[in-house]
């Protein structure tokens, strides 16, 4: 997935009702929480 900013992911998506719904529906299928990494493209 790609976000315009790290904050768009950490503050926008992760605090949204959609994230809460996604987490509620899928959390039982994960052995452990997904690993999240953020990268910055270097030209």
C-alpha atoms as a PDB file:
ATOM      1  CA  UNK A   1       0.000   0.000   0.000  1.00  0.00           C
ATOM      2  CA  UNK A   2       1.113   3.550  -0.537  1.00  0.00           C
ATOM      3  CA  UNK A   3       0.304   6.643   1.518  1.00  0.00           C
ATOM      4  CA  UNK A   4       1.057  10.285   0.732  1.00  0.00           C
ATOM      5  CA  UNK A   5       2.577  10.713   4.213  1.00  0.00           C
ATOM      6  CA  UNK A   6       3.339   8.521   7.212  1.00  0.00           C
ATOM      7  CA  UNK A   7       0.754  10.551   9.128  1.00  0.00           C
ATOM      8  CA  UNK A   8      -1.896   9.707   6.520  1.00  0.00           C
ATOM      9  CA  UNK A   9      -1.390   6.082   7.525  1.00  0.00           C
ATOM     10  CA  UNK A  10      -0.723   6.339  11.256  1.00  0.00           C
ATOM     11  CA  UNK A  11      -3.159   9.153  12.067  1.00  0.00           C
ATOM     12  CA  UNK A  12      -5.656   9.032   9.202  1.00  0.00           C
ATOM     13  CA  UNK A  13      -6.252   5.388   8.344  1.00  0.00           C
ATOM     14  CA  UNK A  14      -5.388   3.727  11.645  1.00  0.00           C
ATOM     15  CA  UNK A  15      -7.759   6.016  13.560  1.00  0.00           C
ATOM     16  CA  UNK A  16     -10.595   5.647  11.039  1.00  0.00           C
ATOM     17  CA  UNK A  17     -13.828   3.656  11.403  1.00  0.00           C
ATOM     18  CA  UNK A  18     -12.764   1.644   8.341  1.00  0.00           C
ATOM     19  CA  UNK A  19      -9.594   0.475  10.074  1.00  0.00           C
ATOM     20  CA  UNK A  20     -11.570  -0.532  13.157  1.00  0.00           C
ATOM     21  CA  UNK A  21     -13.931  -2.562  10.971  1.00  0.00           C
ATOM     22  CA  UNK A  22     -11.049  -4.181   9.056  1.00  0.00           C
ATOM     23  CA  UNK A  23      -9.318  -5.087  12.284  1.00  0.00           C
ATOM     24  CA  UNK A  24     -12.486  -6.530  13.809  1.00  0.00           C
ATOM     25  CA  UNK A  25     -13.126  -8.711  10.751  1.00  0.00           C
ATOM     26  CA  UNK A  26      -9.598 -10.019  10.198  1.00  0.00           C
ATOM     27  CA  UNK A  27      -7.694 -10.038  13.507  1.00  0.00           C
ATOM     28  CA  UNK A  28      -8.577 -13.663  14.268  1.00  0.00           C
ATOM     29  CA  UNK A  29      -6.802 -14.825  11.091  1.00  0.00           C
ATOM     30  CA  UNK A  30      -3.398 -13.432  12.096  1.00  0.00           C
ATOM     31  CA  UNK A  31      -1.015 -15.479  14.217  1.00  0.00           C
ATOM     32  CA  UNK A  32       0.671 -12.219  15.183  1.00  0.00           C
ATOM     33  CA  UNK A  33      -0.020  -8.598  14.210  1.00  0.00           C
ATOM     34  CA  UNK A  34       1.180  -7.647  10.704  1.00  0.00           C
ATOM     35  CA  UNK A  35       4.589  -5.961  10.610  1.00  0.00           C
ATOM     36  CA  UNK A  36       4.413  -2.385   9.356  1.00  0.00           C
ATOM     37  CA  UNK A  37       7.359  -0.597   7.741  1.00  0.00           C
ATOM     38  CA  UNK A  38       7.530   2.868   6.208  1.00  0.00           C
ATOM     39  CA  UNK A  39       9.980   3.792   3.459  1.00  0.00           C
ATOM     40  CA  UNK A  40      10.914   6.994   1.676  1.00  0.00           C
ATOM     41  CA  UNK A  41      11.835   6.905  -2.008  1.00  0.00           C
ATOM     42  CA  UNK A  42      15.265   8.355  -2.767  1.00  0.00           C
ATOM     43  CA  UNK A  43      15.780   9.660  -6.284  1.00  0.00           C
END
